[in-house]
Amino acid sequence: MSAPVHVLVFARSPIPGRAKTRLIPALGAEGAARLYLLLLEHALVTARAADFDAVEVWMDAEPIADEVRELARVIDARLAVQTGADLGARMDAAFGDALARGVLPLLMGSDVPSLTSLMLREAAAALRQGRDVVIAPALDGGYGLIGVGRRLPALFEAMPWGGPEVLAETRRRIDALGCSSAELTPVWDVDEPADLARLDELPELRDWRRRIGFEAAP
């Protein structure tokens, strides 16, 4: 029997002024937070549609917002809290937790609406075929998804997170470790105001302005 697959969605608290701060000039603090919650909902729906054994929401801190708890309830997702001094340590800890439970983990961002359930299934297939690492490269030089078949802390230690060299450095480390790997079609995330136009390309998010109550100034 193949090992079960769990999708770990890394998420942040949808707090105005702290969520999606680079979008605040375009949407305001409240609008940016509401859009983030919408993106998180989309990520969870996508993860559930891949039809794996479980979906997990890994929050950056407690207390967990009521809106996030409700999303997790509707999607039937497990809630967990990240631990670790930086993003790399938190990712490695989440992977370690999942692998210790005997599952194959796929870790995805909560703001990558271009990532599809089909791509998640492709990533899972790569792990089940014995690949050590699977990645969905991001157009900004990072990645929107990473999955591992075994614990590989060296992929996450002292990584220049948030910069354009994350993907290249990850590839270098994969090669240095002698890991087998697979890459999916590149994806894009929503970080800057210029990224908002891309949402109009996705049928399920084309009405994002209405859903967050945002009206652009004339």
N, C-alpha and C. Protein backbone atom coordinates (compact mmCIF):
# COMPACT_ATOMS: atom_id res chain seq x y z
N MET A 1 0.84 -1.19 0.00
CA MET A 1 0.00 0.00 0.00
C MET A 1 0.88 1.25 0.00
N SER A 2 0.51 2.23 -0.81
CA SER A 2 1.26 3.48 -0.87
C SER A 2 1.09 4.26 0.42
N ALA A 3 2.13 5.00 0.79
CA ALA A 3 2.05 5.83 1.99
C ALA A 3 1.00 6.92 1.78
N PRO A 4 0.27 7.27 2.84
CA PRO A 4 -0.70 8.35 2.73
C PRO A 4 -0.01 9.68 2.45
N VAL A 5 -0.70 10.55 1.77
CA VAL A 5 -0.18 11.88 1.45
C VAL A 5 -0.99 12.93 2.21
N HIS A 6 -0.30 13.85 2.87
CA HIS A 6 -0.95 14.98 3.52
C HIS A 6 -0.44 16.28 2.89
N VAL A 7 -1.36 17.20 2.66
CA VAL A 7 -0.98 18.53 2.19
C VAL A 7 -0.89 19.45 3.40
N LEU A 8 0.28 20.04 3.61
CA LEU A 8 0.49 20.97 4.72
C LEU A 8 0.44 22.38 4.15
N VAL A 9 -0.57 23.14 4.51
CA VAL A 9 -0.71 24.51 4.03
C VAL A 9 -0.14 25.45 5.09
N PHE A 10 0.96 26.12 4.77
CA PHE A 10 1.55 27.08 5.69
C PHE A 10 0.80 28.40 5.58
N ALA A 11 0.33 28.90 6.72
CA ALA A 11 -0.53 30.08 6.69
C ALA A 11 -0.14 31.07 7.78
N ARG A 12 -0.58 32.31 7.58
CA ARG A 12 -0.38 33.38 8.55
C ARG A 12 -1.73 33.87 9.07
N SER A 13 -1.71 34.50 10.21
CA SER A 13 -2.94 35.04 10.77
C SER A 13 -3.43 36.21 9.90
N PRO A 14 -4.71 36.22 9.55
CA PRO A 14 -5.24 37.28 8.67
C PRO A 14 -5.53 38.57 9.44
N ILE A 15 -4.49 39.16 10.01
CA ILE A 15 -4.64 40.34 10.84
C ILE A 15 -4.37 41.59 10.01
N PRO A 16 -5.31 42.53 9.93
CA PRO A 16 -5.08 43.77 9.19
C PRO A 16 -3.83 44.48 9.69
N GLY A 17 -2.99 44.90 8.75
CA GLY A 17 -1.74 45.55 9.10
C GLY A 17 -0.58 44.60 9.20
N ARG A 18 -0.87 43.28 9.26
CA ARG A 18 0.19 42.28 9.32
C ARG A 18 0.11 41.27 8.18
N ALA A 19 -1.08 41.11 7.61
CA ALA A 19 -1.27 40.17 6.51
C ALA A 19 -1.10 40.89 5.17
N LYS A 20 -0.27 40.33 4.32
CA LYS A 20 -0.06 40.86 2.97
C LYS A 20 0.23 42.36 2.99
N THR A 21 1.23 42.75 3.74
CA THR A 21 1.52 44.18 3.93
C THR A 21 1.91 44.88 2.64
N ARG A 22 2.52 44.15 1.70
CA ARG A 22 2.92 44.80 0.44
C ARG A 22 1.73 45.12 -0.44
N LEU A 23 0.55 44.56 -0.10
CA LEU A 23 -0.66 44.87 -0.85
C LEU A 23 -1.45 46.04 -0.23
N ILE A 24 -1.04 46.49 0.93
CA ILE A 24 -1.78 47.54 1.62
C ILE A 24 -1.88 48.82 0.80
N PRO A 25 -0.83 49.25 0.09
CA PRO A 25 -0.98 50.46 -0.73
C PRO A 25 -2.10 50.37 -1.77
N ALA A 26 -2.38 49.16 -2.23
CA ALA A 26 -3.42 48.97 -3.25
C ALA A 26 -4.79 48.68 -2.66
N LEU A 27 -4.83 47.95 -1.54
CA LEU A 27 -6.09 47.45 -1.00
C LEU A 27 -6.44 48.01 0.37
N GLY A 28 -5.49 48.67 1.04
CA GLY A 28 -5.70 49.04 2.43
C GLY A 28 -5.44 47.84 3.33
N ALA A 29 -5.26 48.10 4.62
CA ALA A 29 -4.94 47.01 5.55
C ALA A 29 -6.06 45.99 5.65
N GLU A 30 -7.30 46.47 5.75
CA GLU A 30 -8.45 45.55 5.85
C GLU A 30 -8.61 44.75 4.57
N GLY A 31 -8.49 45.41 3.42
CA GLY A 31 -8.64 44.70 2.15
C GLY A 31 -7.57 43.66 1.93
N ALA A 32 -6.33 43.99 2.31
CA ALA A 32 -5.24 43.03 2.15
C ALA A 32 -5.47 41.80 3.02
N ALA A 33 -5.95 42.02 4.24
CA ALA A 33 -6.23 40.89 5.14
C ALA A 33 -7.37 40.03 4.61
N ARG A 34 -8.40 40.68 4.08
CA ARG A 34 -9.54 39.91 3.54
C ARG A 34 -9.12 39.12 2.31
N LEU A 35 -8.26 39.73 1.47
CA LEU A 35 -7.78 38.99 0.30
C LEU A 35 -6.94 37.80 0.74
N TYR A 36 -6.12 37.99 1.77
CA TYR A 36 -5.31 36.87 2.24
C TYR A 36 -6.20 35.71 2.70
N LEU A 37 -7.28 36.03 3.42
CA LEU A 37 -8.19 34.99 3.88
C LEU A 37 -8.84 34.28 2.69
N LEU A 38 -9.16 35.03 1.64
CA LEU A 38 -9.72 34.44 0.43
C LEU A 38 -8.71 33.52 -0.24
N LEU A 39 -7.45 33.94 -0.30
CA LEU A 39 -6.40 33.10 -0.89
C LEU A 39 -6.19 31.83 -0.07
N LEU A 40 -6.27 31.97 1.26
CA LEU A 40 -6.14 30.78 2.11
C LEU A 40 -7.29 29.82 1.85
N GLU A 41 -8.50 30.34 1.73
CA GLU A 41 -9.65 29.49 1.41
C GLU A 41 -9.43 28.76 0.09
N HIS A 42 -8.95 29.48 -0.91
CA HIS A 42 -8.70 28.88 -2.22
C HIS A 42 -7.65 27.78 -2.11
N ALA A 43 -6.61 28.02 -1.33
CA ALA A 43 -5.56 27.01 -1.16
C ALA A 43 -6.11 25.75 -0.51
N LEU A 44 -6.96 25.92 0.49
CA LEU A 44 -7.52 24.76 1.18
C LEU A 44 -8.48 23.99 0.28
N VAL A 45 -9.28 24.69 -0.51
CA VAL A 45 -10.18 24.03 -1.46
C VAL A 45 -9.36 23.24 -2.48
N THR A 46 -8.28 23.85 -2.97
CA THR A 46 -7.41 23.17 -3.93
C THR A 46 -6.79 21.92 -3.32
N ALA A 47 -6.31 22.05 -2.09
CA ALA A 47 -5.70 20.90 -1.42
C ALA A 47 -6.71 19.79 -1.21
N ARG A 48 -7.91 20.13 -0.80
CA ARG A 48 -8.94 19.12 -0.58
C ARG A 48 -9.34 18.46 -1.89
N ALA A 49 -9.38 19.24 -2.98
CA ALA A 49 -9.80 18.70 -4.28
C ALA A 49 -8.79 17.70 -4.82
N ALA A 50 -7.55 17.75 -4.34
CA ALA A 50 -6.56 16.76 -4.79
C ALA A 50 -6.89 15.37 -4.27
N ASP A 51 -7.76 15.29 -3.27
CA ASP A 51 -8.31 14.02 -2.78
C ASP A 51 -7.24 13.12 -2.15
N PHE A 52 -6.40 13.74 -1.29
CA PHE A 52 -5.43 12.97 -0.54
C PHE A 52 -6.02 12.56 0.80
N ASP A 53 -5.18 11.98 1.64
CA ASP A 53 -5.65 11.45 2.90
C ASP A 53 -6.01 12.54 3.91
N ALA A 54 -5.31 13.68 3.86
CA ALA A 54 -5.61 14.75 4.81
C ALA A 54 -5.04 16.08 4.33
N VAL A 55 -5.67 17.14 4.83
CA VAL A 55 -5.19 18.50 4.65
C VAL A 55 -4.90 19.06 6.03
N GLU A 56 -3.76 19.74 6.16
CA GLU A 56 -3.38 20.33 7.45
C GLU A 56 -3.08 21.81 7.26
N VAL A 57 -3.56 22.63 8.18
CA VAL A 57 -3.27 24.07 8.16
C VAL A 57 -2.27 24.36 9.27
N TRP A 58 -1.10 24.81 8.89
CA TRP A 58 -0.04 25.12 9.85
C TRP A 58 0.04 26.63 10.00
N MET A 59 -0.45 27.13 11.14
CA MET A 59 -0.51 28.57 11.38
C MET A 59 0.81 29.08 11.97
N ASP A 60 1.08 30.37 11.73
CA ASP A 60 2.33 30.95 12.19
C ASP A 60 2.33 31.25 13.68
N ALA A 61 1.16 31.37 14.28
CA ALA A 61 1.10 31.73 15.70
C ALA A 61 -0.29 31.46 16.25
N GLU A 62 -0.36 31.45 17.57
CA GLU A 62 -1.64 31.41 18.27
C GLU A 62 -1.91 32.80 18.84
N PRO A 63 -3.17 33.15 19.12
CA PRO A 63 -4.37 32.36 18.89
C PRO A 63 -4.73 32.27 17.41
N ILE A 64 -5.38 31.20 17.05
CA ILE A 64 -5.81 31.01 15.67
C ILE A 64 -7.14 31.73 15.47
N ALA A 65 -7.20 32.56 14.45
CA ALA A 65 -8.39 33.38 14.18
C ALA A 65 -9.62 32.51 13.96
N ASP A 66 -10.77 33.02 14.40
CA ASP A 66 -12.03 32.28 14.24
C ASP A 66 -12.30 31.98 12.77
N GLU A 67 -11.96 32.92 11.88
CA GLU A 67 -12.22 32.70 10.45
C GLU A 67 -11.41 31.51 9.93
N VAL A 68 -10.18 31.38 10.42
CA VAL A 68 -9.35 30.25 10.00
C VAL A 68 -9.89 28.95 10.57
N ARG A 69 -10.32 28.98 11.81
CA ARG A 69 -10.90 27.77 12.41
C ARG A 69 -12.13 27.32 11.64
N GLU A 70 -12.94 28.28 11.19
CA GLU A 70 -14.14 27.92 10.43
C GLU A 70 -13.76 27.33 9.07
N LEU A 71 -12.77 27.91 8.40
CA LEU A 71 -12.32 27.35 7.13
C LEU A 71 -11.83 25.92 7.33
N ALA A 72 -11.05 25.70 8.37
CA ALA A 72 -10.54 24.35 8.64
C ALA A 72 -11.68 23.38 8.91
N ARG A 73 -12.70 23.85 9.62
CA ARG A 73 -13.85 22.99 9.92
C ARG A 73 -14.57 22.59 8.64
N VAL A 74 -14.82 23.57 7.78
CA VAL A 74 -15.56 23.31 6.53
C VAL A 74 -14.77 22.37 5.62
N ILE A 75 -13.46 22.59 5.54
CA ILE A 75 -12.62 21.77 4.67
C ILE A 75 -12.27 20.43 5.31
N ASP A 76 -12.51 20.31 6.62
CA ASP A 76 -12.11 19.14 7.39
C ASP A 76 -10.60 19.01 7.41
N ALA A 77 -9.94 20.11 7.80
CA ALA A 77 -8.49 20.15 7.86
C ALA A 77 -8.01 20.17 9.31
N ARG A 78 -6.91 19.53 9.56
CA ARG A 78 -6.28 19.55 10.88
C ARG A 78 -5.57 20.87 11.08
N LEU A 79 -5.69 21.45 12.27
CA LEU A 79 -4.99 22.69 12.60
C LEU A 79 -3.74 22.38 13.42
N ALA A 80 -2.66 23.06 13.10
CA ALA A 80 -1.41 22.92 13.85
C ALA A 80 -0.73 24.29 13.88
N VAL A 81 0.23 24.43 14.78
CA VAL A 81 0.96 25.68 14.92
C VAL A 81 2.43 25.44 14.62
N GLN A 82 3.01 26.29 13.79
CA GLN A 82 4.41 26.17 13.42
C GLN A 82 5.32 26.42 14.62
N THR A 83 6.45 25.74 14.63
CA THR A 83 7.45 25.96 15.68
C THR A 83 8.82 26.09 15.02
N GLY A 84 9.64 26.97 15.56
CA GLY A 84 10.98 27.15 15.01
C GLY A 84 11.35 28.61 14.95
N ALA A 85 12.65 28.87 14.90
CA ALA A 85 13.16 30.23 14.98
C ALA A 85 12.98 31.01 13.69
N ASP A 86 12.95 30.33 12.55
CA ASP A 86 12.75 31.02 11.27
C ASP A 86 11.95 30.11 10.36
N LEU A 87 11.68 30.61 9.15
CA LEU A 87 10.83 29.85 8.23
C LEU A 87 11.41 28.47 7.94
N GLY A 88 12.71 28.40 7.71
CA GLY A 88 13.32 27.12 7.40
C GLY A 88 13.16 26.13 8.53
N ALA A 89 13.37 26.58 9.76
CA ALA A 89 13.21 25.68 10.91
C ALA A 89 11.77 25.24 11.06
N ARG A 90 10.83 26.14 10.77
CA ARG A 90 9.41 25.78 10.89
C ARG A 90 9.00 24.77 9.82
N MET A 91 9.54 24.94 8.62
CA MET A 91 9.24 23.98 7.55
C MET A 91 9.81 22.61 7.88
N ASP A 92 11.06 22.59 8.31
CA ASP A 92 11.70 21.32 8.66
C ASP A 92 10.96 20.62 9.80
N ALA A 93 10.51 21.41 10.79
CA ALA A 93 9.78 20.81 11.91
C ALA A 93 8.45 20.22 11.45
N ALA A 94 7.76 20.90 10.56
CA ALA A 94 6.49 20.38 10.04
C ALA A 94 6.72 19.10 9.25
N PHE A 95 7.77 19.09 8.43
CA PHE A 95 8.08 17.88 7.69
C PHE A 95 8.44 16.73 8.65
N GLY A 96 9.23 17.04 9.66
CA GLY A 96 9.60 16.00 10.62
C GLY A 96 8.39 15.42 11.32
N ASP A 97 7.44 16.29 11.68
CA ASP A 97 6.22 15.83 12.34
C ASP A 97 5.43 14.90 11.42
N ALA A 98 5.28 15.30 10.15
CA ALA A 98 4.51 14.48 9.22
C ALA A 98 5.19 13.15 8.93
N LEU A 99 6.50 13.20 8.67
CA LEU A 99 7.22 11.97 8.35
C LEU A 99 7.20 11.00 9.52
N ALA A 100 7.24 11.54 10.75
CA ALA A 100 7.19 10.68 11.94
C ALA A 100 5.85 9.97 12.06
N ARG A 101 4.82 10.56 11.45
CA ARG A 101 3.50 9.94 11.45
C ARG A 101 3.32 8.97 10.28
N GLY A 102 4.36 8.80 9.47
CA GLY A 102 4.31 7.84 8.38
C GLY A 102 3.61 8.33 7.14
N VAL A 103 3.55 9.67 6.95
CA VAL A 103 2.88 10.20 5.76
C VAL A 103 3.88 10.93 4.89
N LEU A 104 3.57 11.03 3.61
CA LEU A 104 4.36 11.82 2.67
C LEU A 104 3.82 13.24 2.67
N PRO A 105 4.63 14.24 3.02
CA PRO A 105 4.12 15.60 3.12
C PRO A 105 4.41 16.45 1.89
N LEU A 106 3.38 17.19 1.47
CA LEU A 106 3.52 18.24 0.47
C LEU A 106 3.22 19.56 1.16
N LEU A 107 4.18 20.45 1.19
CA LEU A 107 4.00 21.73 1.87
C LEU A 107 3.80 22.82 0.82
N MET A 108 2.68 23.53 0.92
CA MET A 108 2.37 24.57 -0.05
C MET A 108 2.10 25.89 0.66
N GLY A 109 2.33 26.98 -0.07
CA GLY A 109 2.00 28.29 0.46
C GLY A 109 0.51 28.55 0.38
N SER A 110 0.06 29.53 1.14
CA SER A 110 -1.36 29.86 1.16
C SER A 110 -1.72 30.96 0.18
N ASP A 111 -0.73 31.48 -0.54
CA ASP A 111 -0.97 32.61 -1.45
C ASP A 111 -0.49 32.29 -2.87
N VAL A 112 -0.66 31.03 -3.29
CA VAL A 112 -0.20 30.59 -4.61
C VAL A 112 -1.40 30.04 -5.38
N PRO A 113 -2.31 30.92 -5.82
CA PRO A 113 -3.55 30.43 -6.44
C PRO A 113 -3.35 29.76 -7.79
N SER A 114 -2.16 29.89 -8.37
CA SER A 114 -1.89 29.22 -9.64
C SER A 114 -1.56 27.75 -9.46
N LEU A 115 -1.36 27.32 -8.23
CA LEU A 115 -1.10 25.91 -7.93
C LEU A 115 -2.42 25.15 -7.97
N THR A 116 -2.49 24.10 -8.76
CA THR A 116 -3.73 23.37 -8.95
C THR A 116 -3.73 22.02 -8.25
N SER A 117 -4.91 21.45 -8.12
CA SER A 117 -5.00 20.12 -7.50
C SER A 117 -4.31 19.07 -8.37
N LEU A 118 -4.33 19.25 -9.70
CA LEU A 118 -3.62 18.33 -10.58
C LEU A 118 -2.12 18.38 -10.31
N MET A 119 -1.59 19.56 -10.08
CA MET A 119 -0.17 19.69 -9.78
C MET A 119 0.16 19.02 -8.44
N LEU A 120 -0.73 19.13 -7.48
CA LEU A 120 -0.52 18.44 -6.21
C LEU A 120 -0.47 16.93 -6.42
N ARG A 121 -1.34 16.42 -7.26
CA ARG A 121 -1.32 14.98 -7.53
C ARG A 121 -0.03 14.57 -8.26
N GLU A 122 0.46 15.43 -9.15
CA GLU A 122 1.73 15.15 -9.83
C GLU A 122 2.88 15.12 -8.81
N ALA A 123 2.83 16.05 -7.86
CA ALA A 123 3.88 16.09 -6.83
C ALA A 123 3.84 14.83 -5.98
N ALA A 124 2.65 14.41 -5.60
CA ALA A 124 2.52 13.19 -4.80
C ALA A 124 3.03 11.98 -5.57
N ALA A 125 2.73 11.93 -6.85
CA ALA A 125 3.19 10.80 -7.67
C ALA A 125 4.72 10.74 -7.68
N ALA A 126 5.36 11.91 -7.75
CA ALA A 126 6.83 11.93 -7.76
C ALA A 126 7.39 11.36 -6.46
N LEU A 127 6.80 11.71 -5.33
CA LEU A 127 7.27 11.18 -4.05
C LEU A 127 7.01 9.68 -3.96
N ARG A 128 5.86 9.26 -4.42
CA ARG A 128 5.53 7.84 -4.35
C ARG A 128 6.41 7.01 -5.28
N GLN A 129 6.97 7.65 -6.31
CA GLN A 129 7.89 6.97 -7.21
C GLN A 129 9.32 6.96 -6.67
N GLY A 130 9.51 7.54 -5.48
CA GLY A 130 10.81 7.47 -4.83
C GLY A 130 11.66 8.71 -4.91
N ARG A 131 11.14 9.81 -5.48
CA ARG A 131 11.93 11.05 -5.50
C ARG A 131 12.09 11.57 -4.08
N ASP A 132 13.27 12.10 -3.79
CA ASP A 132 13.52 12.66 -2.47
C ASP A 132 12.84 14.02 -2.28
N VAL A 133 12.79 14.79 -3.36
CA VAL A 133 12.26 16.15 -3.29
C VAL A 133 11.43 16.44 -4.53
N VAL A 134 10.33 17.16 -4.36
CA VAL A 134 9.57 17.68 -5.49
C VAL A 134 9.27 19.14 -5.21
N ILE A 135 9.39 19.97 -6.25
CA ILE A 135 9.25 21.42 -6.10
C ILE A 135 8.37 21.97 -7.21
N ALA A 136 7.58 22.98 -6.87
CA ALA A 136 6.90 23.81 -7.87
C ALA A 136 7.62 25.15 -7.87
N PRO A 137 8.49 25.40 -8.84
CA PRO A 137 9.23 26.67 -8.88
C PRO A 137 8.27 27.85 -8.98
N ALA A 138 8.66 28.96 -8.36
CA ALA A 138 7.87 30.19 -8.45
C ALA A 138 8.57 31.17 -9.37
N LEU A 139 7.80 31.98 -10.05
CA LEU A 139 8.36 32.92 -11.02
C LEU A 139 9.22 33.98 -10.36
N ASP A 140 9.06 34.20 -9.06
CA ASP A 140 9.84 35.22 -8.36
C ASP A 140 11.16 34.70 -7.80
N GLY A 141 11.49 33.45 -8.13
CA GLY A 141 12.77 32.91 -7.70
C GLY A 141 12.70 32.04 -6.46
N GLY A 142 11.52 31.81 -5.95
CA GLY A 142 11.33 30.91 -4.82
C GLY A 142 10.61 29.65 -5.28
N TYR A 143 9.78 29.09 -4.41
CA TYR A 143 8.93 27.98 -4.82
C TYR A 143 7.61 28.06 -4.06
N GLY A 144 6.56 27.55 -4.71
CA GLY A 144 5.22 27.60 -4.13
C GLY A 144 4.83 26.32 -3.45
N LEU A 145 5.57 25.26 -3.71
CA LEU A 145 5.32 23.95 -3.10
C LEU A 145 6.63 23.21 -3.01
N ILE A 146 6.80 22.46 -1.93
CA ILE A 146 7.92 21.53 -1.81
C ILE A 146 7.44 20.31 -1.05
N GLY A 147 7.82 19.16 -1.53
CA GLY A 147 7.52 17.91 -0.84
C GLY A 147 8.79 17.11 -0.67
N VAL A 148 8.86 16.33 0.39
CA VAL A 148 10.06 15.52 0.64
C VAL A 148 9.65 14.09 0.99
N GLY A 149 10.48 13.16 0.57
CA GLY A 149 10.25 11.76 0.90
C GLY A 149 10.99 11.33 2.14
N ARG A 150 11.92 12.15 2.60
CA ARG A 150 12.66 11.90 3.83
C ARG A 150 13.10 13.25 4.39
N ARG A 151 13.48 13.26 5.65
CA ARG A 151 13.82 14.52 6.27
C ARG A 151 15.16 15.03 5.73
N LEU A 152 15.15 16.31 5.30
CA LEU A 152 16.33 16.92 4.69
C LEU A 152 16.52 18.33 5.25
N PRO A 153 16.93 18.44 6.52
CA PRO A 153 17.05 19.76 7.13
C PRO A 153 18.01 20.69 6.41
N ALA A 154 19.00 20.14 5.70
CA ALA A 154 19.98 20.98 5.01
C ALA A 154 19.34 21.83 3.90
N LEU A 155 18.16 21.44 3.46
CA LEU A 155 17.48 22.24 2.42
C LEU A 155 16.89 23.52 2.98
N PHE A 156 16.82 23.64 4.30
CA PHE A 156 16.09 24.76 4.88
C PHE A 156 16.93 25.62 5.82
N GLU A 157 18.13 25.15 6.15
CA GLU A 157 18.96 25.89 7.11
C GLU A 157 19.63 27.09 6.43
N ALA A 158 19.61 28.25 7.11
CA ALA A 158 20.31 29.46 6.63
C ALA A 158 19.99 29.79 5.19
N MET A 159 18.72 29.64 4.82
CA MET A 159 18.28 29.96 3.47
C MET A 159 17.90 31.45 3.41
N PRO A 160 18.26 32.15 2.34
CA PRO A 160 17.89 33.58 2.21
C PRO A 160 16.43 33.75 1.83
N TRP A 161 15.54 33.42 2.76
CA TRP A 161 14.09 33.45 2.48
C TRP A 161 13.64 34.83 2.04
N GLY A 162 12.72 34.85 1.10
CA GLY A 162 12.15 36.09 0.61
C GLY A 162 12.93 36.72 -0.52
N GLY A 163 14.09 36.18 -0.84
CA GLY A 163 14.90 36.71 -1.92
C GLY A 163 14.74 35.90 -3.20
N PRO A 164 15.28 36.42 -4.30
CA PRO A 164 15.11 35.75 -5.60
C PRO A 164 16.03 34.56 -5.82
N GLU A 165 16.91 34.27 -4.84
CA GLU A 165 17.87 33.18 -5.01
C GLU A 165 17.48 31.89 -4.30
N VAL A 166 16.30 31.85 -3.69
CA VAL A 166 15.89 30.67 -2.93
C VAL A 166 15.84 29.42 -3.81
N LEU A 167 15.23 29.53 -4.97
CA LEU A 167 15.09 28.36 -5.84
C LEU A 167 16.46 27.87 -6.30
N ALA A 168 17.30 28.79 -6.75
CA ALA A 168 18.62 28.39 -7.23
C ALA A 168 19.45 27.74 -6.13
N GLU A 169 19.38 28.30 -4.91
CA GLU A 169 20.13 27.73 -3.80
C GLU A 169 19.57 26.37 -3.41
N THR A 170 18.24 26.21 -3.48
CA THR A 170 17.63 24.92 -3.17
C THR A 170 18.08 23.87 -4.18
N ARG A 171 18.10 24.23 -5.45
CA ARG A 171 18.57 23.30 -6.47
C ARG A 171 20.04 22.90 -6.22
N ARG A 172 20.85 23.88 -5.84
CA ARG A 172 22.26 23.61 -5.58
C ARG A 172 22.40 22.61 -4.43
N ARG A 173 21.60 22.82 -3.37
CA ARG A 173 21.68 21.93 -2.21
C ARG A 173 21.17 20.53 -2.55
N ILE A 174 20.14 20.45 -3.35
CA ILE A 174 19.63 19.14 -3.78
C ILE A 174 20.73 18.36 -4.48
N ASP A 175 21.44 19.04 -5.38
CA ASP A 175 22.54 18.39 -6.10
C ASP A 175 23.65 17.99 -5.14
N ALA A 176 24.00 18.90 -4.21
CA ALA A 176 25.10 18.63 -3.28
C ALA A 176 24.79 17.44 -2.37
N LEU A 177 23.52 17.26 -2.05
CA LEU A 177 23.11 16.16 -1.18
C LEU A 177 22.93 14.85 -1.94
N GLY A 178 22.98 14.93 -3.27
CA GLY A 178 22.78 13.74 -4.08
C GLY A 178 21.34 13.26 -4.08
N CYS A 179 20.41 14.18 -3.90
CA CYS A 179 18.99 13.82 -3.85
C CYS A 179 18.41 13.69 -5.25
N SER A 180 17.46 12.79 -5.39
CA SER A 180 16.67 12.74 -6.62
C SER A 180 15.53 13.73 -6.48
N SER A 181 15.17 14.38 -7.58
CA SER A 181 14.16 15.44 -7.48
C SER A 181 13.32 15.52 -8.74
N ALA A 182 12.20 16.23 -8.61
CA ALA A 182 11.32 16.50 -9.73
C ALA A 182 10.79 17.92 -9.57
N GLU A 183 10.52 18.56 -10.70
CA GLU A 183 9.97 19.90 -10.67
C GLU A 183 8.68 19.96 -11.48
N LEU A 184 7.74 20.73 -10.96
CA LEU A 184 6.46 20.92 -11.61
C LEU A 184 6.51 22.17 -12.50
N THR A 185 5.40 22.45 -13.15
CA THR A 185 5.27 23.69 -13.91
C THR A 185 5.43 24.89 -12.97
N PRO A 186 6.15 25.93 -13.37
CA PRO A 186 6.30 27.11 -12.51
C PRO A 186 4.96 27.74 -12.15
N VAL A 187 4.91 28.33 -10.96
CA VAL A 187 3.69 28.95 -10.44
C VAL A 187 3.99 30.40 -10.07
N TRP A 188 2.94 31.17 -9.82
CA TRP A 188 3.09 32.54 -9.34
C TRP A 188 2.27 32.72 -8.07
N ASP A 189 2.75 33.62 -7.23
CA ASP A 189 2.02 33.91 -6.00
C ASP A 189 1.57 35.37 -6.01
N VAL A 190 0.88 35.77 -4.96
CA VAL A 190 0.33 37.12 -4.87
C VAL A 190 1.03 37.84 -3.73
N ASP A 191 1.98 38.70 -4.09
CA ASP A 191 2.74 39.45 -3.09
C ASP A 191 2.66 40.96 -3.30
N GLU A 192 2.71 41.38 -4.57
CA GLU A 192 2.78 42.79 -4.91
C GLU A 192 1.49 43.24 -5.60
N PRO A 193 1.19 44.55 -5.58
CA PRO A 193 0.00 45.04 -6.29
C PRO A 193 -0.07 44.61 -7.75
N ALA A 194 1.09 44.51 -8.41
CA ALA A 194 1.09 44.09 -9.81
C ALA A 194 0.57 42.66 -9.98
N ASP A 195 0.64 41.85 -8.92
CA ASP A 195 0.18 40.47 -9.01
C ASP A 195 -1.34 40.36 -9.02
N LEU A 196 -2.03 41.41 -8.59
CA LEU A 196 -3.49 41.32 -8.46
C LEU A 196 -4.17 41.08 -9.80
N ALA A 197 -3.61 41.63 -10.87
CA ALA A 197 -4.23 41.44 -12.19
C ALA A 197 -4.26 39.98 -12.59
N ARG A 198 -3.31 39.20 -12.09
CA ARG A 198 -3.29 37.77 -12.44
C ARG A 198 -4.51 37.03 -11.90
N LEU A 199 -5.07 37.53 -10.80
CA LEU A 199 -6.24 36.87 -10.23
C LEU A 199 -7.41 36.85 -11.20
N ASP A 200 -7.47 37.85 -12.07
CA ASP A 200 -8.55 37.91 -13.04
C ASP A 200 -8.46 36.79 -14.08
N GLU A 201 -7.29 36.14 -14.16
CA GLU A 201 -7.09 35.05 -15.11
C GLU A 201 -7.66 33.73 -14.60
N LEU A 202 -7.99 33.68 -13.29
CA LEU A 202 -8.47 32.44 -12.68
C LEU A 202 -9.98 32.50 -12.51
N PRO A 203 -10.75 31.66 -13.19
CA PRO A 203 -12.21 31.73 -13.12
C PRO A 203 -12.75 31.71 -11.70
N GLU A 204 -12.15 30.93 -10.82
CA GLU A 204 -12.67 30.80 -9.47
C GLU A 204 -12.36 32.00 -8.59
N LEU A 205 -11.48 32.89 -9.07
CA LEU A 205 -11.14 34.08 -8.28
C LEU A 205 -11.38 35.38 -9.04
N ARG A 206 -12.03 35.28 -10.16
CA ARG A 206 -12.24 36.47 -11.00
C ARG A 206 -13.07 37.53 -10.28
N ASP A 207 -13.89 37.11 -9.33
CA ASP A 207 -14.74 38.05 -8.60
C ASP A 207 -14.15 38.42 -7.24
N TRP A 208 -12.81 38.37 -7.12
CA TRP A 208 -12.17 38.60 -5.82
C TRP A 208 -12.48 39.98 -5.26
N ARG A 209 -12.61 40.98 -6.10
CA ARG A 209 -12.89 42.34 -5.60
C ARG A 209 -14.23 42.38 -4.87
N ARG A 210 -15.24 41.77 -5.47
CA ARG A 210 -16.55 41.74 -4.83
C ARG A 210 -16.49 40.94 -3.54
N ARG A 211 -15.79 39.84 -3.55
CA ARG A 211 -15.77 38.95 -2.39
C ARG A 211 -15.05 39.54 -1.19
N ILE A 212 -14.13 40.47 -1.44
CA ILE A 212 -13.47 41.12 -0.30
C ILE A 212 -14.04 42.51 -0.03
N GLY A 213 -15.06 42.90 -0.82
CA GLY A 213 -15.68 44.21 -0.62
C GLY A 213 -14.80 45.36 -1.05
N PHE A 214 -13.99 45.15 -2.08
CA PHE A 214 -13.06 46.20 -2.52
C PHE A 214 -13.56 46.82 -3.81
N GLU A 215 -13.55 48.13 -3.84
CA GLU A 215 -13.88 48.88 -5.05
C GLU A 215 -12.75 49.84 -5.32
N ALA A 216 -12.16 49.72 -6.49
CA ALA A 216 -11.04 50.60 -6.84
C ALA A 216 -11.53 52.03 -6.99
N ALA A 217 -10.68 52.96 -6.62
CA ALA A 217 -11.04 54.36 -6.77
C ALA A 217 -11.18 54.70 -8.25
N PRO A 218 -12.12 55.60 -8.59
CA PRO A 218 -12.31 55.96 -10.00
C PRO A 218 -11.10 56.70 -10.55
